[in-house]
Amino acid sequence: MVGLLITSLVVALSSSPSPQQGPPPTVAIAVAPAGDTQELTLKDGTRAIGRVETIEAGRFTFRTTSGAVMSVETDKVQSLGTVSGRVVAGDFWPDDSNPTRLFFAPTGRALKRGESYLGVYEIMLPFVQYGITDRISVGAGTPLIFGSGGDTPFWVTPKVQVLKAKSTEAALGVIHFINVGDANLGIAYGVVTQGSADSAITVGAGYAYVRDEGSDDGSAVVMFGGEHRVSRRLKLVTENYAFDGGGILSGGVRFLGERLSVDLGLASPLGVDVFVAFPVINFVWKF
């Protein structure tokens, strides 16, 4: 049932009405406001990142991030829109499409209203998150494979951003698991992210709880993570935990696409007699 609900939500987010027959819409050509960067796509497939500088009758000039100047006929344009990112040595680095999470833990950043993403943790754990406002988001997930019998296990992930400053963002939230055996469990947390979109640290503290018939247990959890971008398409990521009796160390890389990000890494538990490392494999698609 939960899997059906998640699938329905993804379809609703990604679906659009069938296009009406008729002439293609005219692309609006406008000079970019100061500080903005635009992506230009021509009907022949050519793509360029830069800014519209001047507009004349039937054509305009477009200066790329590398400094080249293009004279473009208006009717050759497929699309023109503003993109988020920064220019590094003449090369445009688009923003990380998955900034609200490290590997698994949330950061202090928030989805904007109407934004959403579909992800898969460790191949077998799909989840979806949707921005209700610029500060509030909700999400859910369920494993693809689980034991026979009983209700389907799933989790919900409400999150509220409580601070957004120039280089500091903070959020509160809950990761609550339902139908895990006879218990309901989860983590109530707070996280603070300090730094830029390309290089930041995230510190979090939470309370892991278990609610079961006749029992009510809990324990404090501390998380320290970081991210550092080393190239246009690559970011280093680490996410580490400390809790009563042990901890977890993890590190790896994130491959950055326009909408798709892929995490590859290793995670190792602390406080065990034998060294063990588990693979971290995550895929996230942002709508």
C-alpha atoms as a PDB file:
ATOM      1  CA  MET A   1       0.000   0.000   0.000  1.00  0.00           C
ATOM      2  CA  VAL A   2       2.765   2.449   0.934  1.00  0.00           C
ATOM      3  CA  GLY A   3       4.718   1.547  -2.204  1.00  0.00           C
ATOM      4  CA  LEU A   4       1.617   2.331  -4.276  1.00  0.00           C
ATOM      5  CA  LEU A   5       1.245   5.715  -2.574  1.00  0.00           C
ATOM      6  CA  ILE A   6       4.904   6.611  -3.216  1.00  0.00           C
ATOM      7  CA  THR A   7       4.614   5.561  -6.865  1.00  0.00           C
ATOM      8  CA  SER A   8       1.448   7.639  -7.265  1.00  0.00           C
ATOM      9  CA  LEU A   9       3.161  10.693  -5.766  1.00  0.00           C
ATOM     10  CA  VAL A  10       6.154  10.354  -8.101  1.00  0.00           C
ATOM     11  CA  VAL A  11       3.869  10.013 -11.134  1.00  0.00           C
ATOM     12  CA  ALA A  12       1.886  13.083 -10.070  1.00  0.00           C
ATOM     13  CA  LEU A  13       5.055  15.136  -9.608  1.00  0.00           C
ATOM     14  CA  SER A  14       6.553  14.142 -12.942  1.00  0.00           C
ATOM     15  CA  SER A  15       3.427  14.065 -15.118  1.00  0.00           C
ATOM     16  CA  SER A  16       2.340  16.945 -17.295  1.00  0.00           C
ATOM     17  CA  PRO A  17      -0.680  17.494 -19.549  1.00  0.00           C
ATOM     18  CA  SER A  18      -0.454  16.331 -23.137  1.00  0.00           C
ATOM     19  CA  PRO A  19       0.724  19.158 -25.380  1.00  0.00           C
ATOM     20  CA  GLN A  20      -1.888  20.825 -27.581  1.00  0.00           C
ATOM     21  CA  GLN A  21      -1.456  20.882 -31.336  1.00  0.00           C
ATOM     22  CA  GLY A  22      -0.363  24.155 -32.807  1.00  0.00           C
ATOM     23  CA  PRO A  23       2.717  26.325 -33.439  1.00  0.00           C
ATOM     24  CA  PRO A  24       5.565  25.995 -30.930  1.00  0.00           C
ATOM     25  CA  PRO A  25       5.648  28.736 -28.282  1.00  0.00           C
ATOM     26  CA  THR A  26       7.965  31.688 -28.791  1.00  0.00           C
ATOM     27  CA  VAL A  27      10.999  31.698 -26.516  1.00  0.00           C
ATOM     28  CA  ALA A  28      11.281  34.929 -24.534  1.00  0.00           C
ATOM     29  CA  ILE A  29      14.721  36.485 -24.983  1.00  0.00           C
ATOM     30  CA  ALA A  30      15.824  38.821 -22.195  1.00  0.00           C
ATOM     31  CA  VAL A  31      19.074  40.362 -21.007  1.00  0.00           C
ATOM     32  CA  ALA A  32      20.167  38.553 -17.844  1.00  0.00           C
ATOM     33  CA  PRO A  33      19.898  40.525 -14.594  1.00  0.00           C
ATOM     34  CA  ALA A  34      23.200  41.335 -12.902  1.00  0.00           C
ATOM     35  CA  GLY A  35      24.671  38.223 -11.289  1.00  0.00           C
ATOM     36  CA  ASP A  36      22.454  35.747 -13.152  1.00  0.00           C
ATOM     37  CA  THR A  37      23.702  33.021 -15.495  1.00  0.00           C
ATOM     38  CA  GLN A  38      21.671  31.640 -18.406  1.00  0.00           C
ATOM     39  CA  GLU A  39      21.651  28.374 -20.318  1.00  0.00           C
ATOM     40  CA  LEU A  40      21.028  28.701 -24.057  1.00  0.00           C
ATOM     41  CA  THR A  41      19.906  25.703 -26.133  1.00  0.00           C
ATOM     42  CA  LEU A  42      19.570  25.972 -29.911  1.00  0.00           C
ATOM     43  CA  LYS A  43      17.326  23.854 -32.118  1.00  0.00           C
ATOM     44  CA  ASP A  44      20.368  22.116 -33.597  1.00  0.00           C
ATOM     45  CA  GLY A  45      21.318  20.844 -30.126  1.00  0.00           C
ATOM     46  CA  THR A  46      24.026  23.396 -29.348  1.00  0.00           C
ATOM     47  CA  ARG A  47      24.182  24.353 -25.663  1.00  0.00           C
ATOM     48  CA  ALA A  48      26.011  27.272 -24.072  1.00  0.00           C
ATOM     49  CA  ILE A  49      26.253  28.807 -20.596  1.00  0.00           C
ATOM     50  CA  GLY A  50      26.600  32.573 -20.226  1.00  0.00           C
ATOM     51  CA  ARG A  51      24.481  35.703 -20.542  1.00  0.00           C
ATOM     52  CA  VAL A  52      22.405  37.558 -23.116  1.00  0.00           C
ATOM     53  CA  GLU A  53      24.089  40.963 -23.502  1.00  0.00           C
ATOM     54  CA  THR A  54      22.227  42.812 -26.258  1.00  0.00           C
ATOM     55  CA  ILE A  55      19.029  42.261 -28.248  1.00  0.00           C
ATOM     56  CA  GLU A  56      18.354  43.526 -31.758  1.00  0.00           C
ATOM     57  CA  ALA A  57      15.610  42.866 -34.278  1.00  0.00           C
ATOM     58  CA  GLY A  58      15.545  39.143 -34.881  1.00  0.00           C
ATOM     59  CA  ARG A  59      18.863  38.343 -33.160  1.00  0.00           C
ATOM     60  CA  PHE A  60      20.877  38.827 -29.978  1.00  0.00           C
ATOM     61  CA  THR A  61      24.417  38.489 -28.635  1.00  0.00           C
ATOM     62  CA  PHE A  62      25.277  35.847 -26.045  1.00  0.00           C
ATOM     63  CA  ARG A  63      28.572  35.882 -24.127  1.00  0.00           C
ATOM     64  CA  THR A  64      29.630  32.484 -22.760  1.00  0.00           C
ATOM     65  CA  THR A  65      31.350  31.912 -19.421  1.00  0.00           C
ATOM     66  CA  SER A  66      34.625  31.374 -21.316  1.00  0.00           C
ATOM     67  CA  GLY A  67      34.319  34.826 -22.921  1.00  0.00           C
ATOM     68  CA  ALA A  68      33.254  33.799 -26.444  1.00  0.00           C
ATOM     69  CA  VAL A  69      30.586  35.990 -28.064  1.00  0.00           C
ATOM     70  CA  MET A  70      27.810  34.383 -30.125  1.00  0.00           C
ATOM     71  CA  SER A  71      25.457  36.181 -32.492  1.00  0.00           C
ATOM     72  CA  VAL A  72      22.230  34.173 -32.444  1.00  0.00           C
ATOM     73  CA  GLU A  73      19.082  34.411 -34.534  1.00  0.00           C
ATOM     74  CA  THR A  74      15.997  34.403 -32.305  1.00  0.00           C
ATOM     75  CA  ASP A  75      14.136  31.768 -34.320  1.00  0.00           C
ATOM     76  CA  LYS A  76      17.019  29.312 -33.831  1.00  0.00           C
ATOM     77  CA  VAL A  77      16.504  29.200 -30.050  1.00  0.00           C
ATOM     78  CA  GLN A  78      15.007  26.090 -28.441  1.00  0.00           C
ATOM     79  CA  SER A  79      15.149  27.382 -24.865  1.00  0.00           C
ATOM     80  CA  LEU A  80      16.721  30.059 -22.683  1.00  0.00           C
ATOM     81  CA  GLY A  81      16.593  29.994 -18.884  1.00  0.00           C
ATOM     82  CA  THR A  82      18.384  30.970 -15.714  1.00  0.00           C
ATOM     83  CA  VAL A  83      20.608  28.331 -14.091  1.00  0.00           C
ATOM     84  CA  SER A  84      22.092  28.168 -10.606  1.00  0.00           C
ATOM     85  CA  GLY A  85      25.797  27.719 -10.038  1.00  0.00           C
ATOM     86  CA  ARG A  86      29.066  29.596 -10.285  1.00  0.00           C
ATOM     87  CA  VAL A  87      31.847  30.195 -12.792  1.00  0.00           C
ATOM     88  CA  VAL A  88      35.238  28.678 -11.960  1.00  0.00           C
ATOM     89  CA  ALA A  89      38.158  29.572 -14.259  1.00  0.00           C
ATOM     90  CA  GLY A  90      35.753  30.198 -17.123  1.00  0.00           C
ATOM     91  CA  ASP A  91      33.875  26.921 -16.587  1.00  0.00           C
ATOM     92  CA  PHE A  92      30.315  26.885 -15.212  1.00  0.00           C
ATOM     93  CA  TRP A  93      29.759  24.599 -12.214  1.00  0.00           C
ATOM     94  CA  PRO A  94      26.039  23.896 -11.742  1.00  0.00           C
ATOM     95  CA  ASP A  95      24.727  23.612  -8.194  1.00  0.00           C
ATOM     96  CA  ASP A  96      24.630  20.219  -6.509  1.00  0.00           C
ATOM     97  CA  SER A  97      21.159  18.865  -7.319  1.00  0.00           C
ATOM     98  CA  ASN A  98      21.057  17.012  -3.970  1.00  0.00           C
ATOM     99  CA  PRO A  99      22.125  19.619  -1.370  1.00  0.00           C
ATOM    100  CA  THR A 100      19.639  18.691   1.359  1.00  0.00           C
ATOM    101  CA  ARG A 101      21.404  15.421   2.262  1.00  0.00           C
ATOM    102  CA  LEU A 102      24.855  13.934   2.758  1.00  0.00           C
ATOM    103  CA  PHE A 103      24.746  10.151   2.236  1.00  0.00           C
ATOM    104  CA  PHE A 104      21.766   9.470   4.476  1.00  0.00           C
ATOM    105  CA  ALA A 105      21.635  12.310   7.005  1.00  0.00           C
ATOM    106  CA  PRO A 106      19.849  15.573   6.221  1.00  0.00           C
ATOM    107  CA  THR A 107      21.682  18.894   6.052  1.00  0.00           C
ATOM    108  CA  GLY A 108      20.328  22.227   7.287  1.00  0.00           C
ATOM    109  CA  ARG A 109      19.349  23.157   3.720  1.00  0.00           C
ATOM    110  CA  ALA A 110      15.739  22.924   2.517  1.00  0.00           C
ATOM    111  CA  LEU A 111      13.904  22.110  -0.678  1.00  0.00           C
ATOM    112  CA  LYS A 112      12.111  25.065  -2.216  1.00  0.00           C
ATOM    113  CA  ARG A 113       8.365  25.071  -2.634  1.00  0.00           C
ATOM    114  CA  GLY A 114       7.355  22.647  -5.385  1.00  0.00           C
ATOM    115  CA  GLU A 115      10.780  20.982  -5.605  1.00  0.00           C
ATOM    116  CA  SER A 116      11.005  17.232  -5.077  1.00  0.00           C
ATOM    117  CA  TYR A 117      13.363  14.345  -5.485  1.00  0.00           C
ATOM    118  CA  LEU A 118      13.186  10.601  -5.883  1.00  0.00           C
ATOM    119  CA  GLY A 119      16.056   8.598  -4.460  1.00  0.00           C
ATOM    120  CA  VAL A 120      17.164   5.029  -3.838  1.00  0.00           C
ATOM    121  CA  TYR A 121      19.378   4.137  -0.879  1.00  0.00           C
ATOM    122  CA  GLU A 122      21.550   1.033  -1.249  1.00  0.00           C
ATOM    123  CA  ILE A 123      19.643  -0.102  -4.371  1.00  0.00           C
ATOM    124  CA  MET A 124      16.744  -1.470  -2.263  1.00  0.00           C
ATOM    125  CA  LEU A 125      15.348   1.544  -0.339  1.00  0.00           C
ATOM    126  CA  PRO A 126      13.400   4.026  -2.510  1.00  0.00           C
ATOM    127  CA  PHE A 127      12.188   7.305  -1.036  1.00  0.00           C
ATOM    128  CA  VAL A 128      10.660  10.610  -2.124  1.00  0.00           C
ATOM    129  CA  GLN A 129      10.722  14.112  -0.589  1.00  0.00           C
ATOM    130  CA  TYR A 130       8.557  17.116  -1.541  1.00  0.00           C
ATOM    131  CA  GLY A 131       8.870  20.811  -0.639  1.00  0.00           C
ATOM    132  CA  ILE A 132       5.539  22.137   0.669  1.00  0.00           C
ATOM    133  CA  THR A 133       7.013  25.597   1.288  1.00  0.00           C
ATOM    134  CA  ASP A 134      10.526  27.028   1.033  1.00  0.00           C
ATOM    135  CA  ARG A 135      11.147  25.736   4.573  1.00  0.00           C
ATOM    136  CA  ILE A 136       8.868  22.718   5.090  1.00  0.00           C
ATOM    137  CA  SER A 137       9.115  19.382   3.315  1.00  0.00           C
ATOM    138  CA  VAL A 138       7.675  15.891   3.788  1.00  0.00           C
ATOM    139  CA  GLY A 139       8.738  12.524   2.489  1.00  0.00           C
ATOM    140  CA  ALA A 140       8.318   8.770   2.724  1.00  0.00           C
ATOM    141  CA  GLY A 141      10.000   5.543   1.723  1.00  0.00           C
ATOM    142  CA  THR A 142       9.634   1.772   1.884  1.00  0.00           C
ATOM    143  CA  PRO A 143      11.982  -1.145   1.150  1.00  0.00           C
ATOM    144  CA  LEU A 144      11.558  -3.005  -2.127  1.00  0.00           C
ATOM    145  CA  ILE A 145      12.044  -6.347  -0.362  1.00  0.00           C
ATOM    146  CA  PHE A 146      10.909  -7.241   3.154  1.00  0.00           C
ATOM    147  CA  GLY A 147       9.878 -10.323   5.113  1.00  0.00           C
ATOM    148  CA  SER A 148       6.652 -12.126   4.330  1.00  0.00           C
ATOM    149  CA  GLY A 149       3.603 -11.567   6.479  1.00  0.00           C
ATOM    150  CA  GLY A 150       2.575  -8.519   8.472  1.00  0.00           C
ATOM    151  CA  ASP A 151       2.230  -4.935   7.370  1.00  0.00           C
ATOM    152  CA  THR A 152       4.631  -3.226   4.981  1.00  0.00           C
ATOM    153  CA  PRO A 153       7.394  -1.323   6.797  1.00  0.00           C
ATOM    154  CA  PHE A 154       7.901   2.288   5.777  1.00  0.00           C
ATOM    155  CA  TRP A 155       9.278   5.570   7.057  1.00  0.00           C
ATOM    156  CA  VAL A 156       8.208   9.230   6.969  1.00  0.00           C
ATOM    157  CA  THR A 157      10.536  12.262   6.987  1.00  0.00           C
ATOM    158  CA  PRO A 158       8.960  15.621   7.890  1.00  0.00           C
ATOM    159  CA  LYS A 159      11.530  18.445   8.052  1.00  0.00           C
ATOM    160  CA  VAL A 160      11.349  22.166   8.930  1.00  0.00           C
ATOM    161  CA  GLN A 161      14.126  24.673   8.267  1.00  0.00           C
ATOM    162  CA  VAL A 162      14.358  27.054  11.232  1.00  0.00           C
ATOM    163  CA  LEU A 163      17.314  29.229  10.142  1.00  0.00           C
ATOM    164  CA  LYS A 164      18.583  30.457   6.786  1.00  0.00           C
ATOM    165  CA  ALA A 165      21.451  32.945   6.881  1.00  0.00           C
ATOM    166  CA  LYS A 166      24.205  33.777   4.392  1.00  0.00           C
ATOM    167  CA  SER A 167      26.391  30.788   5.259  1.00  0.00           C
ATOM    168  CA  THR A 168      24.459  29.021   8.035  1.00  0.00           C
ATOM    169  CA  GLU A 169      21.283  26.948   7.747  1.00  0.00           C
ATOM    170  CA  ALA A 170      19.553  24.839  10.398  1.00  0.00           C
ATOM    171  CA  ALA A 171      16.640  22.412  10.410  1.00  0.00           C
ATOM    172  CA  LEU A 172      14.610  20.159  12.700  1.00  0.00           C
ATOM    173  CA  GLY A 173      12.963  16.923  11.694  1.00  0.00           C
ATOM    174  CA  VAL A 174      12.027  13.327  12.351  1.00  0.00           C
ATOM    175  CA  ILE A 175      12.843  10.077  10.567  1.00  0.00           C
ATOM    176  CA  HIS A 176      10.080   7.798  11.845  1.00  0.00           C
ATOM    177  CA  PHE A 177       9.860   4.091  10.953  1.00  0.00           C
ATOM    178  CA  ILE A 178       6.536   2.238  11.095  1.00  0.00           C
ATOM    179  CA  ASN A 179       5.710  -1.473  10.986  1.00  0.00           C
ATOM    180  CA  VAL A 180       9.228  -2.610  11.802  1.00  0.00           C
ATOM    181  CA  GLY A 181       8.367  -5.831  13.597  1.00  0.00           C
ATOM    182  CA  ASP A 182       6.107  -4.951  16.506  1.00  0.00           C
ATOM    183  CA  ALA A 183       7.843  -1.627  17.164  1.00  0.00           C
ATOM    184  CA  ASN A 184       7.764   1.931  15.916  1.00  0.00           C
ATOM    185  CA  LEU A 185      11.120   3.667  16.008  1.00  0.00           C
ATOM    186  CA  GLY A 186      12.994   6.623  14.660  1.00  0.00           C
ATOM    187  CA  ILE A 187      15.245   9.610  15.263  1.00  0.00           C
ATOM    188  CA  ALA A 188      14.197  13.146  16.179  1.00  0.00           C
ATOM    189  CA  TYR A 189      17.036  15.459  15.150  1.00  0.00           C
ATOM    190  CA  GLY A 190      18.418  18.927  14.683  1.00  0.00           C
ATOM    191  CA  VAL A 191      21.154  19.795  12.157  1.00  0.00           C
ATOM    192  CA  VAL A 192      23.236  22.883  11.370  1.00  0.00           C
ATOM    193  CA  THR A 193      25.121  23.353   8.085  1.00  0.00           C
ATOM    194  CA  GLN A 194      27.903  25.949   7.907  1.00  0.00           C
ATOM    195  CA  GLY A 195      29.575  26.927   4.632  1.00  0.00           C
ATOM    196  CA  SER A 196      28.765  27.209   0.949  1.00  0.00           C
ATOM    197  CA  ALA A 197      26.983  24.881  -1.464  1.00  0.00           C
ATOM    198  CA  ASP A 198      30.381  23.559  -2.579  1.00  0.00           C
ATOM    199  CA  SER A 199      32.176  23.246   0.765  1.00  0.00           C
ATOM    200  CA  ALA A 200      30.426  22.877   4.121  1.00  0.00           C
ATOM    201  CA  ILE A 201      30.274  21.005   7.398  1.00  0.00           C
ATOM    202  CA  THR A 202      27.084  19.672   8.962  1.00  0.00           C
ATOM    203  CA  VAL A 203      26.704  18.885  12.660  1.00  0.00           C
ATOM    204  CA  GLY A 204      23.651  17.142  14.048  1.00  0.00           C
ATOM    205  CA  ALA A 205      22.309  15.806  17.319  1.00  0.00           C
ATOM    206  CA  GLY A 206      19.313  13.573  17.817  1.00  0.00           C
ATOM    207  CA  TYR A 207      17.426  11.150  19.982  1.00  0.00           C
ATOM    208  CA  ALA A 208      16.925   7.622  18.671  1.00  0.00           C
ATOM    209  CA  TYR A 209      13.782   6.078  20.169  1.00  0.00           C
ATOM    210  CA  VAL A 210      11.971   2.740  20.159  1.00  0.00           C
ATOM    211  CA  ARG A 211       8.298   2.382  21.045  1.00  0.00           C
ATOM    212  CA  ASP A 212       7.139  -1.152  21.698  1.00  0.00           C
ATOM    213  CA  GLU A 213       4.540  -2.861  23.832  1.00  0.00           C
ATOM    214  CA  GLY A 214       5.784  -2.599  27.381  1.00  0.00           C
ATOM    215  CA  SER A 215       9.005  -0.742  26.498  1.00  0.00           C
ATOM    216  CA  ASP A 216      10.112   2.811  25.781  1.00  0.00           C
ATOM    217  CA  ASP A 217      13.844   3.055  25.063  1.00  0.00           C
ATOM    218  CA  GLY A 218      16.049   5.757  23.593  1.00  0.00           C
ATOM    219  CA  SER A 219      19.610   6.969  23.142  1.00  0.00           C
ATOM    220  CA  ALA A 220      21.424  10.119  22.041  1.00  0.00           C
ATOM    221  CA  VAL A 221      23.090  10.221  18.618  1.00  0.00           C
ATOM    222  CA  VAL A 222      25.644  12.751  17.335  1.00  0.00           C
ATOM    223  CA  MET A 223      26.499  13.228  13.653  1.00  0.00           C
ATOM    224  CA  PHE A 224      29.385  15.094  12.026  1.00  0.00           C
ATOM    225  CA  GLY A 225      29.601  15.348   8.246  1.00  0.00           C
ATOM    226  CA  GLY A 226      31.155  17.379   5.486  1.00  0.00           C
ATOM    227  CA  GLU A 227      31.239  17.963   1.755  1.00  0.00           C
ATOM    228  CA  HIS A 228      33.855  19.504  -0.516  1.00  0.00           C
ATOM    229  CA  ARG A 229      33.593  19.964  -4.261  1.00  0.00           C
ATOM    230  CA  VAL A 230      36.789  19.225  -6.167  1.00  0.00           C
ATOM    231  CA  SER A 231      35.586  19.584  -9.767  1.00  0.00           C
ATOM    232  CA  ARG A 232      32.570  20.403 -11.901  1.00  0.00           C
ATOM    233  CA  ARG A 233      31.159  16.888 -11.558  1.00  0.00           C
ATOM    234  CA  LEU A 234      32.720  15.543  -8.335  1.00  0.00           C
ATOM    235  CA  LYS A 235      32.229  16.211  -4.622  1.00  0.00           C
ATOM    236  CA  LEU A 236      33.803  14.488  -1.606  1.00  0.00           C
ATOM    237  CA  VAL A 237      31.340  13.501   1.141  1.00  0.00           C
ATOM    238  CA  THR A 238      31.748  12.164   4.672  1.00  0.00           C
ATOM    239  CA  GLU A 239      29.112  11.289   7.284  1.00  0.00           C
ATOM    240  CA  ASN A 240      29.979   9.978  10.748  1.00  0.00           C
ATOM    241  CA  TYR A 241      28.017   8.994  13.862  1.00  0.00           C
ATOM    242  CA  ALA A 242      28.704   8.492  17.560  1.00  0.00           C
ATOM    243  CA  PHE A 243      26.254   6.816  19.911  1.00  0.00           C
ATOM    244  CA  ASP A 244      26.244   4.761  23.096  1.00  0.00           C
ATOM    245  CA  GLY A 245      28.395   1.714  22.474  1.00  0.00           C
ATOM    246  CA  GLY A 246      29.895   2.627  19.133  1.00  0.00           C
ATOM    247  CA  GLY A 247      29.677   4.692  15.976  1.00  0.00           C
ATOM    248  CA  ILE A 248      29.943   4.712  12.190  1.00  0.00           C
ATOM    249  CA  LEU A 249      32.560   6.246   9.881  1.00  0.00           C
ATOM    250  CA  SER A 250      31.806   6.776   6.198  1.00  0.00           C
ATOM    251  CA  GLY A 251      33.294   8.563   3.233  1.00  0.00           C
ATOM    252  CA  GLY A 252      33.081   8.635  -0.526  1.00  0.00           C
ATOM    253  CA  VAL A 253      32.265  10.693  -3.580  1.00  0.00           C
ATOM    254  CA  ARG A 254      29.217  12.223  -5.216  1.00  0.00           C
ATOM    255  CA  PHE A 255      28.980  12.395  -8.988  1.00  0.00           C
ATOM    256  CA  LEU A 256      26.993  15.466 -10.011  1.00  0.00           C
ATOM    257  CA  GLY A 257      24.662  15.618 -13.004  1.00  0.00           C
ATOM    258  CA  GLU A 258      22.138  18.211 -14.059  1.00  0.00           C
ATOM    259  CA  ARG A 259      19.371  16.468 -12.072  1.00  0.00           C
ATOM    260  CA  LEU A 260      20.863  13.096 -11.171  1.00  0.00           C
ATOM    261  CA  SER A 261      23.437  12.619  -8.406  1.00  0.00           C
ATOM    262  CA  VAL A 262      25.150   9.327  -7.557  1.00  0.00           C
ATOM    263  CA  ASP A 263      26.885   8.588  -4.238  1.00  0.00           C
ATOM    264  CA  LEU A 264      29.551   5.888  -3.938  1.00  0.00           C
ATOM    265  CA  GLY A 265      31.344   5.249  -0.673  1.00  0.00           C
ATOM    266  CA  LEU A 266      32.187   2.956   2.216  1.00  0.00           C
ATOM    267  CA  ALA A 267      30.810   2.839   5.761  1.00  0.00           C
ATOM    268  CA  SER A 268      32.457   1.063   8.688  1.00  0.00           C
ATOM    269  CA  PRO A 269      30.990   0.454  12.167  1.00  0.00           C
ATOM    270  CA  LEU A 270      33.065   1.292  15.250  1.00  0.00           C
ATOM    271  CA  GLY A 271      33.172  -0.719  18.454  1.00  0.00           C
ATOM    272  CA  VAL A 272      33.302  -4.126  16.749  1.00  0.00           C
ATOM    273  CA  ASP A 273      36.070  -6.725  17.027  1.00  0.00           C
ATOM    274  CA  VAL A 274      36.622  -7.162  13.290  1.00  0.00           C
ATOM    275  CA  PHE A 275      36.974  -4.412  10.683  1.00  0.00           C
ATOM    276  CA  VAL A 276      33.991  -4.425   8.336  1.00  0.00           C
ATOM    277  CA  ALA A 277      33.179  -1.990   5.518  1.00  0.00           C
ATOM    278  CA  PHE A 278      29.848  -1.761   3.745  1.00  0.00           C
ATOM    279  CA  PRO A 279      29.275  -0.128   0.357  1.00  0.00           C
ATOM    280  CA  VAL A 280      27.263   3.079   0.112  1.00  0.00           C
ATOM    281  CA  ILE A 281      25.357   3.365  -3.186  1.00  0.00           C
ATOM    282  CA  ASN A 282      22.709   6.067  -3.571  1.00  0.00           C
ATOM    283  CA  PHE A 283      20.901   7.565  -6.565  1.00  0.00           C
ATOM    284  CA  VAL A 284      18.852  10.767  -6.366  1.00  0.00           C
ATOM    285  CA  TRP A 285      16.846  12.402  -9.173  1.00  0.00           C
ATOM    286  CA  LYS A 286      15.590  15.951  -8.579  1.00  0.00           C
ATOM    287  CA  PHE A 287      12.384  17.118 -10.264  1.00  0.00           C
END
